mmCIF file of all heavy atoms, coordinates in Angstrom:
data_MODEL
# 
_entry.id   MODEL 
# 
loop_
_atom_site.group_PDB 
_atom_site.id 
_atom_site.type_symbol 
_atom_site.label_atom_id 
_atom_site.label_alt_id 
_atom_site.label_comp_id 
_atom_site.label_asym_id 
_atom_site.label_entity_id 
_atom_site.label_seq_id 
_atom_site.pdbx_PDB_ins_code 
_atom_site.Cartn_x 
_atom_site.Cartn_y 
_atom_site.Cartn_z 
_atom_site.occupancy 
_atom_site.B_iso_or_equiv 
_atom_site.pdbx_formal_charge 
_atom_site.auth_seq_id 
_atom_site.auth_comp_id 
_atom_site.auth_asym_id 
_atom_site.auth_atom_id 
_atom_site.pdbx_PDB_model_num 
ATOM 1   N N   . LEU A 1 1  ? 0.835  -1.195 0.000  1.00 0.00 ? 1  LEU A N   1 
ATOM 2   C CA  . LEU A 1 1  ? 0.000  0.000  0.000  1.00 0.00 ? 1  LEU A CA  1 
ATOM 3   C C   . LEU A 1 1  ? 0.875  1.252  0.000  1.00 0.00 ? 1  LEU A C   1 
ATOM 4   O O   . LEU A 1 1  ? 0.575  2.229  -0.679 1.00 0.00 ? 1  LEU A O   1 
ATOM 5   C CB  . LEU A 1 1  ? -0.945 -0.001 1.206  1.00 0.00 ? 1  LEU A CB  1 
ATOM 6   C CG  . LEU A 1 1  ? -1.889 1.202  1.323  1.00 0.00 ? 1  LEU A CG  1 
ATOM 7   C CD1 . LEU A 1 1  ? -2.738 1.379  0.061  1.00 0.00 ? 1  LEU A CD1 1 
ATOM 8   C CD2 . LEU A 1 1  ? -2.771 1.056  2.550  1.00 0.00 ? 1  LEU A CD2 1 
ATOM 9   N N   . ALA A 1 2  ? 1.971  1.216  0.745  1.00 0.00 ? 2  ALA A N   1 
ATOM 10  C CA  . ALA A 1 2  ? 2.896  2.358  0.793  1.00 0.00 ? 2  ALA A CA  1 
ATOM 11  C C   . ALA A 1 2  ? 3.394  2.695  -0.608 1.00 0.00 ? 2  ALA A C   1 
ATOM 12  O O   . ALA A 1 2  ? 3.484  3.867  -0.975 1.00 0.00 ? 2  ALA A O   1 
ATOM 13  C CB  . ALA A 1 2  ? 4.067  2.050  1.717  1.00 0.00 ? 2  ALA A CB  1 
ATOM 14  N N   . GLN A 1 3  ? 3.689  1.672  -1.394 1.00 0.00 ? 3  GLN A N   1 
ATOM 15  C CA  . GLN A 1 3  ? 4.161  1.869  -2.767 1.00 0.00 ? 3  GLN A CA  1 
ATOM 16  C C   . GLN A 1 3  ? 3.108  2.612  -3.589 1.00 0.00 ? 3  GLN A C   1 
ATOM 17  O O   . GLN A 1 3  ? 3.418  3.564  -4.302 1.00 0.00 ? 3  GLN A O   1 
ATOM 18  C CB  . GLN A 1 3  ? 4.477  0.511  -3.410 1.00 0.00 ? 3  GLN A CB  1 
ATOM 19  C CG  . GLN A 1 3  ? 5.191  0.618  -4.741 1.00 0.00 ? 3  GLN A CG  1 
ATOM 20  C CD  . GLN A 1 3  ? 6.668  0.934  -4.582 1.00 0.00 ? 3  GLN A CD  1 
ATOM 21  O OE1 . GLN A 1 3  ? 7.365  0.244  -3.865 1.00 0.00 ? 3  GLN A OE1 1 
ATOM 22  N NE2 . GLN A 1 3  ? 7.127  1.972  -5.235 1.00 0.00 ? 3  GLN A NE2 1 
ATOM 23  N N   . VAL A 1 4  ? 1.858  2.191  -3.481 1.00 0.00 ? 4  VAL A N   1 
ATOM 24  C CA  . VAL A 1 4  ? 0.759  2.826  -4.214 1.00 0.00 ? 4  VAL A CA  1 
ATOM 25  C C   . VAL A 1 4  ? 0.614  4.290  -3.786 1.00 0.00 ? 4  VAL A C   1 
ATOM 26  O O   . VAL A 1 4  ? 0.452  5.176  -4.621 1.00 0.00 ? 4  VAL A O   1 
ATOM 27  C CB  . VAL A 1 4  ? -0.563 2.059  -3.980 1.00 0.00 ? 4  VAL A CB  1 
ATOM 28  C CG1 . VAL A 1 4  ? -1.751 2.818  -4.561 1.00 0.00 ? 4  VAL A CG1 1 
ATOM 29  C CG2 . VAL A 1 4  ? -0.477 0.657  -4.558 1.00 0.00 ? 4  VAL A CG2 1 
ATOM 30  N N   . ILE A 1 5  ? 0.717  4.535  -2.478 1.00 0.00 ? 5  ILE A N   1 
ATOM 31  C CA  . ILE A 1 5  ? 0.559  5.895  -1.949 1.00 0.00 ? 5  ILE A CA  1 
ATOM 32  C C   . ILE A 1 5  ? 1.642  6.821  -2.489 1.00 0.00 ? 5  ILE A C   1 
ATOM 33  O O   . ILE A 1 5  ? 1.347  7.895  -3.004 1.00 0.00 ? 5  ILE A O   1 
ATOM 34  C CB  . ILE A 1 5  ? 0.570  5.894  -0.401 1.00 0.00 ? 5  ILE A CB  1 
ATOM 35  C CG1 . ILE A 1 5  ? -0.681 5.182  0.139  1.00 0.00 ? 5  ILE A CG1 1 
ATOM 36  C CG2 . ILE A 1 5  ? 0.657  7.318  0.147  1.00 0.00 ? 5  ILE A CG2 1 
ATOM 37  C CD1 . ILE A 1 5  ? -0.622 4.848  1.621  1.00 0.00 ? 5  ILE A CD1 1 
ATOM 38  N N   . VAL A 1 6  ? 2.911  6.416  -2.386 1.00 0.00 ? 6  VAL A N   1 
ATOM 39  C CA  . VAL A 1 6  ? 3.983  7.319  -2.836 1.00 0.00 ? 6  VAL A CA  1 
ATOM 40  C C   . VAL A 1 6  ? 3.977  7.486  -4.354 1.00 0.00 ? 6  VAL A C   1 
ATOM 41  O O   . VAL A 1 6  ? 4.230  8.572  -4.860 1.00 0.00 ? 6  VAL A O   1 
ATOM 42  C CB  . VAL A 1 6  ? 5.388  6.899  -2.337 1.00 0.00 ? 6  VAL A CB  1 
ATOM 43  C CG1 . VAL A 1 6  ? 5.474  6.966  -0.828 1.00 0.00 ? 6  VAL A CG1 1 
ATOM 44  C CG2 . VAL A 1 6  ? 5.792  5.542  -2.854 1.00 0.00 ? 6  VAL A CG2 1 
ATOM 45  N N   . ASP A 1 7  ? 3.636  6.417  -5.077 1.00 0.00 ? 7  ASP A N   1 
ATOM 46  C CA  . ASP A 1 7  ? 3.565  6.529  -6.541 1.00 0.00 ? 7  ASP A CA  1 
ATOM 47  C C   . ASP A 1 7  ? 2.466  7.503  -6.961 1.00 0.00 ? 7  ASP A C   1 
ATOM 48  O O   . ASP A 1 7  ? 2.662  8.350  -7.828 1.00 0.00 ? 7  ASP A O   1 
ATOM 49  C CB  . ASP A 1 7  ? 3.323  5.159  -7.193 1.00 0.00 ? 7  ASP A CB  1 
ATOM 50  C CG  . ASP A 1 7  ? 4.554  4.249  -7.120 1.00 0.00 ? 7  ASP A CG  1 
ATOM 51  O OD1 . ASP A 1 7  ? 5.649  4.740  -6.789 1.00 0.00 ? 7  ASP A OD1 1 
ATOM 52  O OD2 . ASP A 1 7  ? 4.399  3.048  -7.394 1.00 0.00 ? 7  ASP A OD2 1 
ATOM 53  N N   . SER A 1 8  ? 1.297  7.413  -6.321 1.00 0.00 ? 8  SER A N   1 
ATOM 54  C CA  . SER A 1 8  ? 0.185  8.283  -6.709 1.00 0.00 ? 8  SER A CA  1 
ATOM 55  C C   . SER A 1 8  ? 0.423  9.732  -6.283 1.00 0.00 ? 8  SER A C   1 
ATOM 56  O O   . SER A 1 8  ? -0.096 10.656 -6.888 1.00 0.00 ? 8  SER A O   1 
ATOM 57  C CB  . SER A 1 8  ? -1.138 7.763  -6.145 1.00 0.00 ? 8  SER A CB  1 
ATOM 58  O OG  . SER A 1 8  ? -1.114 7.795  -4.740 1.00 0.00 ? 8  SER A OG  1 
ATOM 59  N N   . ALA A 1 9  ? 1.245  9.952  -5.241 1.00 0.00 ? 9  ALA A N   1 
ATOM 60  C CA  . ALA A 1 9  ? 1.541  11.310 -4.783 1.00 0.00 ? 9  ALA A CA  1 
ATOM 61  C C   . ALA A 1 9  ? 2.705  11.935 -5.560 1.00 0.00 ? 9  ALA A C   1 
ATOM 62  O O   . ALA A 1 9  ? 3.012  13.109 -5.358 1.00 0.00 ? 9  ALA A O   1 
ATOM 63  C CB  . ALA A 1 9  ? 1.863  11.295 -3.289 1.00 0.00 ? 9  ALA A CB  1 
ATOM 64  N N   . GLY A 1 10 ? 3.353  11.145 -6.411 1.00 0.00 ? 10 GLY A N   1 
ATOM 65  C CA  . GLY A 1 10 ? 4.482  11.670 -7.177 1.00 0.00 ? 10 GLY A CA  1 
ATOM 66  C C   . GLY A 1 10 ? 5.751  11.800 -6.355 1.00 0.00 ? 10 GLY A C   1 
ATOM 67  O O   . GLY A 1 10 ? 6.617  12.607 -6.658 1.00 0.00 ? 10 GLY A O   1 
ATOM 68  N N   . VAL A 1 11 ? 5.871  10.996 -5.293 1.00 0.00 ? 11 VAL A N   1 
ATOM 69  C CA  . VAL A 1 11 ? 7.058  11.029 -4.447 1.00 0.00 ? 11 VAL A CA  1 
ATOM 70  C C   . VAL A 1 11 ? 8.184  10.264 -5.137 1.00 0.00 ? 11 VAL A C   1 
ATOM 71  O O   . VAL A 1 11 ? 7.974  9.164  -5.649 1.00 0.00 ? 11 VAL A O   1 
ATOM 72  C CB  . VAL A 1 11 ? 6.767  10.401 -3.059 1.00 0.00 ? 11 VAL A CB  1 
ATOM 73  C CG1 . VAL A 1 11 ? 8.022  10.312 -2.223 1.00 0.00 ? 11 VAL A CG1 1 
ATOM 74  C CG2 . VAL A 1 11 ? 5.691  11.198 -2.339 1.00 0.00 ? 11 VAL A CG2 1 
ATOM 75  N N   . ILE A 1 12 ? 9.364  10.860 -5.152 1.00 0.00 ? 12 ILE A N   1 
ATOM 76  C CA  . ILE A 1 12 ? 10.539 10.201 -5.720 1.00 0.00 ? 12 ILE A CA  1 
ATOM 77  C C   . ILE A 1 12 ? 11.338 9.617  -4.563 1.00 0.00 ? 12 ILE A C   1 
ATOM 78  O O   . ILE A 1 12 ? 11.783 10.336 -3.668 1.00 0.00 ? 12 ILE A O   1 
ATOM 79  C CB  . ILE A 1 12 ? 11.384 11.209 -6.526 1.00 0.00 ? 12 ILE A CB  1 
ATOM 80  C CG1 . ILE A 1 12 ? 10.543 11.772 -7.671 1.00 0.00 ? 12 ILE A CG1 1 
ATOM 81  C CG2 . ILE A 1 12 ? 12.665 10.561 -7.038 1.00 0.00 ? 12 ILE A CG2 1 
ATOM 82  C CD1 . ILE A 1 12 ? 11.029 13.094 -8.212 1.00 0.00 ? 12 ILE A CD1 1 
ATOM 83  N N   . ILE A 1 13 ? 11.493 8.307  -4.569 1.00 0.00 ? 13 ILE A N   1 
ATOM 84  C CA  . ILE A 1 13 ? 12.147 7.613  -3.469 1.00 0.00 ? 13 ILE A CA  1 
ATOM 85  C C   . ILE A 1 13 ? 13.649 7.531  -3.730 1.00 0.00 ? 13 ILE A C   1 
ATOM 86  O O   . ILE A 1 13 ? 14.085 6.930  -4.698 1.00 0.00 ? 13 ILE A O   1 
ATOM 87  C CB  . ILE A 1 13 ? 11.570 6.187  -3.317 1.00 0.00 ? 13 ILE A CB  1 
ATOM 88  C CG1 . ILE A 1 13 ? 10.069 6.255  -3.092 1.00 0.00 ? 13 ILE A CG1 1 
ATOM 89  C CG2 . ILE A 1 13 ? 12.264 5.447  -2.188 1.00 0.00 ? 13 ILE A CG2 1 
ATOM 90  C CD1 . ILE A 1 13 ? 9.375  4.927  -3.267 1.00 0.00 ? 13 ILE A CD1 1 
ATOM 91  N N   . GLN A 1 14 ? 14.425 8.156  -2.853 1.00 0.00 ? 14 GLN A N   1 
ATOM 92  C CA  . GLN A 1 14 ? 15.884 8.075  -2.941 1.00 0.00 ? 14 GLN A CA  1 
ATOM 93  C C   . GLN A 1 14 ? 16.364 6.783  -2.299 1.00 0.00 ? 14 GLN A C   1 
ATOM 94  O O   . GLN A 1 14 ? 17.136 6.042  -2.872 1.00 0.00 ? 14 GLN A O   1 
ATOM 95  C CB  . GLN A 1 14 ? 16.500 9.289  -2.238 1.00 0.00 ? 14 GLN A CB  1 
ATOM 96  C CG  . GLN A 1 14 ? 18.022 9.276  -2.164 1.00 0.00 ? 14 GLN A CG  1 
ATOM 97  C CD  . GLN A 1 14 ? 18.674 9.590  -3.495 1.00 0.00 ? 14 GLN A CD  1 
ATOM 98  O OE1 . GLN A 1 14 ? 18.193 10.410 -4.246 1.00 0.00 ? 14 GLN A OE1 1 
ATOM 99  N NE2 . GLN A 1 14 ? 19.753 8.911  -3.791 1.00 0.00 ? 14 GLN A NE2 1 
ATOM 100 N N   . ASN A 1 15 ? 15.918 6.528  -1.057 1.00 0.00 ? 15 ASN A N   1 
ATOM 101 C CA  . ASN A 1 15 ? 16.267 5.306  -0.335 1.00 0.00 ? 15 ASN A CA  1 
ATOM 102 C C   . ASN A 1 15 ? 15.023 4.423  -0.273 1.00 0.00 ? 15 ASN A C   1 
ATOM 103 O O   . ASN A 1 15 ? 13.964 4.907  0.127  1.00 0.00 ? 15 ASN A O   1 
ATOM 104 C CB  . ASN A 1 15 ? 16.729 5.620  1.090  1.00 0.00 ? 15 ASN A CB  1 
ATOM 105 C CG  . ASN A 1 15 ? 18.045 6.368  1.121  1.00 0.00 ? 15 ASN A CG  1 
ATOM 106 O OD1 . ASN A 1 15 ? 18.723 6.511  0.114  1.00 0.00 ? 15 ASN A OD1 1 
ATOM 107 N ND2 . ASN A 1 15 ? 18.410 6.871  2.291  1.00 0.00 ? 15 ASN A ND2 1 
ATOM 108 N N   . PRO A 1 16 ? 15.148 3.147  -0.628 1.00 0.00 ? 16 PRO A N   1 
ATOM 109 C CA  . PRO A 1 16 ? 13.967 2.265  -0.638 1.00 0.00 ? 16 PRO A CA  1 
ATOM 110 C C   . PRO A 1 16 ? 13.262 2.142  0.714  1.00 0.00 ? 16 PRO A C   1 
ATOM 111 O O   . PRO A 1 16 ? 12.112 1.776  0.772  1.00 0.00 ? 16 PRO A O   1 
ATOM 112 C CB  . PRO A 1 16 ? 14.531 0.908  -1.068 1.00 0.00 ? 16 PRO A CB  1 
ATOM 113 C CG  . PRO A 1 16 ? 15.835 1.208  -1.717 1.00 0.00 ? 16 PRO A CG  1 
ATOM 114 C CD  . PRO A 1 16 ? 16.349 2.474  -1.097 1.00 0.00 ? 16 PRO A CD  1 
ATOM 115 N N   . ASP A 1 17 ? 13.947 2.481  1.812  1.00 0.00 ? 17 ASP A N   1 
ATOM 116 C CA  . ASP A 1 17 ? 13.290 2.397  3.124  1.00 0.00 ? 17 ASP A CA  1 
ATOM 117 C C   . ASP A 1 17 ? 12.540 3.689  3.484  1.00 0.00 ? 17 ASP A C   1 
ATOM 118 O O   . ASP A 1 17 ? 12.086 3.847  4.602  1.00 0.00 ? 17 ASP A O   1 
ATOM 119 C CB  . ASP A 1 17 ? 14.302 2.031  4.215  1.00 0.00 ? 17 ASP A CB  1 
ATOM 120 C CG  . ASP A 1 17 ? 15.390 3.084  4.411  1.00 0.00 ? 17 ASP A CG  1 
ATOM 121 O OD1 . ASP A 1 17 ? 15.345 4.151  3.744  1.00 0.00 ? 17 ASP A OD1 1 
ATOM 122 O OD2 . ASP A 1 17 ? 16.290 2.842  5.232  1.00 0.00 ? 17 ASP A OD2 1 
ATOM 123 N N   . LEU A 1 18 ? 12.427 4.619  2.517  1.00 0.00 ? 18 LEU A N   1 
ATOM 124 C CA  . LEU A 1 18 ? 11.698 5.886  2.659  1.00 0.00 ? 18 LEU A CA  1 
ATOM 125 C C   . LEU A 1 18 ? 12.386 6.920  3.545  1.00 0.00 ? 18 LEU A C   1 
ATOM 126 O O   . LEU A 1 18 ? 11.804 7.952  3.841  1.00 0.00 ? 18 LEU A O   1 
ATOM 127 C CB  . LEU A 1 18 ? 10.263 5.678  3.189  1.00 0.00 ? 18 LEU A CB  1 
ATOM 128 C CG  . LEU A 1 18 ? 9.257  5.019  2.262  1.00 0.00 ? 18 LEU A CG  1 
ATOM 129 C CD1 . LEU A 1 18 ? 7.909  4.892  2.956  1.00 0.00 ? 18 LEU A CD1 1 
ATOM 130 C CD2 . LEU A 1 18 ? 9.091  5.810  0.973  1.00 0.00 ? 18 LEU A CD2 1 
ATOM 131 N N   . THR A 1 19 ? 13.628 6.663  3.972  1.00 0.00 ? 19 THR A N   1 
ATOM 132 C CA  . THR A 1 19 ? 14.289 7.635  4.844  1.00 0.00 ? 19 THR A CA  1 
ATOM 133 C C   . THR A 1 19 ? 14.638 8.921  4.103  1.00 0.00 ? 19 THR A C   1 
ATOM 134 O O   . THR A 1 19 ? 14.726 9.976  4.723  1.00 0.00 ? 19 THR A O   1 
ATOM 135 C CB  . THR A 1 19 ? 15.549 7.055  5.515  1.00 0.00 ? 19 THR A CB  1 
ATOM 136 O OG1 . THR A 1 19 ? 16.392 6.481  4.503  1.00 0.00 ? 19 THR A OG1 1 
ATOM 137 C CG2 . THR A 1 19 ? 15.187 5.988  6.547  1.00 0.00 ? 19 THR A CG2 1 
ATOM 138 N N   . ILE A 1 20 ? 14.830 8.858  2.786  1.00 0.00 ? 20 ILE A N   1 
ATOM 139 C CA  . ILE A 1 20 ? 15.061 10.072 1.992  1.00 0.00 ? 20 ILE A CA  1 
ATOM 140 C C   . ILE A 1 20 ? 14.215 10.011 0.734  1.00 0.00 ? 20 ILE A C   1 
ATOM 141 O O   . ILE A 1 20 ? 14.296 9.057  -0.042 1.00 0.00 ? 20 ILE A O   1 
ATOM 142 C CB  . ILE A 1 20 ? 16.545 10.252 1.617  1.00 0.00 ? 20 ILE A CB  1 
ATOM 143 C CG1 . ILE A 1 20 ? 17.410 10.362 2.876  1.00 0.00 ? 20 ILE A CG1 1 
ATOM 144 C CG2 . ILE A 1 20 ? 16.729 11.501 0.737  1.00 0.00 ? 20 ILE A CG2 1 
ATOM 145 C CD1 . ILE A 1 20 ? 18.894 10.477 2.603  1.00 0.00 ? 20 ILE A CD1 1 
ATOM 146 N N   . CYS A 1 21 ? 13.372 11.031 0.555  1.00 0.00 ? 21 CYS A N   1 
ATOM 147 C CA  . CYS A 1 21 ? 12.495 11.125 -0.611 1.00 0.00 ? 21 CYS A CA  1 
ATOM 148 C C   . CYS A 1 21 ? 12.519 12.563 -1.120 1.00 0.00 ? 21 CYS A C   1 
ATOM 149 O O   . CYS A 1 21 ? 12.952 13.472 -0.423 1.00 0.00 ? 21 CYS A O   1 
ATOM 150 C CB  . CYS A 1 21 ? 11.053 10.765 -0.242 1.00 0.00 ? 21 CYS A CB  1 
ATOM 151 S SG  . CYS A 1 21 ? 10.840 9.143  0.462  1.00 0.00 ? 21 CYS A SG  1 
ATOM 152 N N   . TYR A 1 22 ? 12.019 12.747 -2.335 1.00 0.00 ? 22 TYR A N   1 
ATOM 153 C CA  . TYR A 1 22 ? 11.908 14.076 -2.939 1.00 0.00 ? 22 TYR A CA  1 
ATOM 154 C C   . TYR A 1 22 ? 10.540 14.190 -3.584 1.00 0.00 ? 22 TYR A C   1 
ATOM 155 O O   . TYR A 1 22 ? 9.930  13.187 -3.939 1.00 0.00 ? 22 TYR A O   1 
ATOM 156 C CB  . TYR A 1 22 ? 12.973 14.274 -4.024 1.00 0.00 ? 22 TYR A CB  1 
ATOM 157 C CG  . TYR A 1 22 ? 14.388 14.300 -3.497 1.00 0.00 ? 22 TYR A CG  1 
ATOM 158 C CD1 . TYR A 1 22 ? 15.111 13.125 -3.352 1.00 0.00 ? 22 TYR A CD1 1 
ATOM 159 C CD2 . TYR A 1 22 ? 14.989 15.500 -3.128 1.00 0.00 ? 22 TYR A CD2 1 
ATOM 160 C CE1 . TYR A 1 22 ? 16.404 13.135 -2.853 1.00 0.00 ? 22 TYR A CE1 1 
ATOM 161 C CE2 . TYR A 1 22 ? 16.283 15.525 -2.638 1.00 0.00 ? 22 TYR A CE2 1 
ATOM 162 C CZ  . TYR A 1 22 ? 16.991 14.340 -2.501 1.00 0.00 ? 22 TYR A CZ  1 
ATOM 163 O OH  . TYR A 1 22 ? 18.262 14.365 -2.004 1.00 0.00 ? 22 TYR A OH  1 
ATOM 164 N N   . ASP A 1 23 ? 10.073 15.444 -3.766 1.00 0.00 ? 23 ASP A N   1 
ATOM 165 C CA  . ASP A 1 23 ? 8.888  15.628 -4.591 1.00 0.00 ? 23 ASP A CA  1 
ATOM 166 C C   . ASP A 1 23 ? 9.354  16.046 -5.980 1.00 0.00 ? 23 ASP A C   1 
ATOM 167 O O   . ASP A 1 23 ? 10.553 16.190 -6.220 1.00 0.00 ? 23 ASP A O   1 
ATOM 168 C CB  . ASP A 1 23 ? 7.896  16.618 -3.957 1.00 0.00 ? 23 ASP A CB  1 
ATOM 169 C CG  . ASP A 1 23 ? 8.433  18.037 -3.816 1.00 0.00 ? 23 ASP A CG  1 
ATOM 170 O OD1 . ASP A 1 23 ? 9.364  18.421 -4.560 1.00 0.00 ? 23 ASP A OD1 1 
ATOM 171 O OD2 . ASP A 1 23 ? 7.908  18.776 -2.959 1.00 0.00 ? 23 ASP A OD2 1 
ATOM 172 N N   . GLU A 1 24 ? 8.406  16.224 -6.892 1.00 0.00 ? 24 GLU A N   1 
ATOM 173 C CA  . GLU A 1 24 ? 8.786  16.523 -8.278 1.00 0.00 ? 24 GLU A CA  1 
ATOM 174 C C   . GLU A 1 24 ? 9.444  17.888 -8.424 1.00 0.00 ? 24 GLU A C   1 
ATOM 175 O O   . GLU A 1 24 ? 10.095 18.169 -9.424 1.00 0.00 ? 24 GLU A O   1 
ATOM 176 C CB  . GLU A 1 24 ? 7.595  16.375 -9.225 1.00 0.00 ? 24 GLU A CB  1 
ATOM 177 C CG  . GLU A 1 24 ? 6.460  17.349 -9.006 1.00 0.00 ? 24 GLU A CG  1 
ATOM 178 C CD  . GLU A 1 24 ? 5.451  16.903 -7.962 1.00 0.00 ? 24 GLU A CD  1 
ATOM 179 O OE1 . GLU A 1 24 ? 5.670  15.856 -7.308 1.00 0.00 ? 24 GLU A OE1 1 
ATOM 180 O OE2 . GLU A 1 24 ? 4.431  17.605 -7.790 1.00 0.00 ? 24 GLU A OE2 1 
ATOM 181 N N   . ARG A 1 25 ? 9.317  18.747 -7.422 1.00 0.00 ? 25 ARG A N   1 
ATOM 182 C CA  . ARG A 1 25 ? 9.977  20.059 -7.456 1.00 0.00 ? 25 ARG A CA  1 
ATOM 183 C C   . ARG A 1 25 ? 11.394 20.004 -6.900 1.00 0.00 ? 25 ARG A C   1 
ATOM 184 O O   . ARG A 1 25 ? 12.088 21.009 -6.865 1.00 0.00 ? 25 ARG A O   1 
ATOM 185 C CB  . ARG A 1 25 ? 9.169  21.072 -6.642 1.00 0.00 ? 25 ARG A CB  1 
ATOM 186 C CG  . ARG A 1 25 ? 7.791  21.341 -7.210 1.00 0.00 ? 25 ARG A CG  1 
ATOM 187 C CD  . ARG A 1 25 ? 7.051  22.311 -6.325 1.00 0.00 ? 25 ARG A CD  1 
ATOM 188 N NE  . ARG A 1 25 ? 5.683  22.472 -6.759 1.00 0.00 ? 25 ARG A NE  1 
ATOM 189 C CZ  . ARG A 1 25 ? 4.751  23.065 -6.038 1.00 0.00 ? 25 ARG A CZ  1 
ATOM 190 N NH1 . ARG A 1 25 ? 5.040  23.547 -4.850 1.00 0.00 ? 25 ARG A NH1 1 
ATOM 191 N NH2 . ARG A 1 25 ? 3.518  23.177 -6.509 1.00 0.00 ? 25 ARG A NH2 1 
ATOM 192 N N   . GLY A 1 26 ? 11.780 18.834 -6.368 1.00 0.00 ? 26 GLY A N   1 
ATOM 193 C CA  . GLY A 1 26 ? 13.137 18.679 -5.838 1.00 0.00 ? 26 GLY A CA  1 
ATOM 194 C C   . GLY A 1 26 ? 13.267 18.913 -4.349 1.00 0.00 ? 26 GLY A C   1 
ATOM 195 O O   . GLY A 1 26 ? 14.368 18.856 -3.810 1.00 0.00 ? 26 GLY A O   1 
ATOM 196 N N   . ALA A 1 27 ? 12.151 19.175 -3.650 1.00 0.00 ? 27 ALA A N   1 
ATOM 197 C CA  . ALA A 1 27 ? 12.210 19.363 -2.192 1.00 0.00 ? 27 ALA A CA  1 
ATOM 198 C C   . ALA A 1 27 ? 12.531 18.015 -1.539 1.00 0.00 ? 27 ALA A C   1 
ATOM 199 O O   . ALA A 1 27 ? 12.018 16.974 -1.947 1.00 0.00 ? 27 ALA A O   1 
ATOM 200 C CB  . ALA A 1 27 ? 10.887 19.900 -1.663 1.00 0.00 ? 27 ALA A CB  1 
# 
């Protein structure tokens, strides 16, 4: 479910454990 949530929100996953992520604007 976490995968579906971040994919639909446009979150870019840097670390597969979600400790570092970015949005499409680079934040």
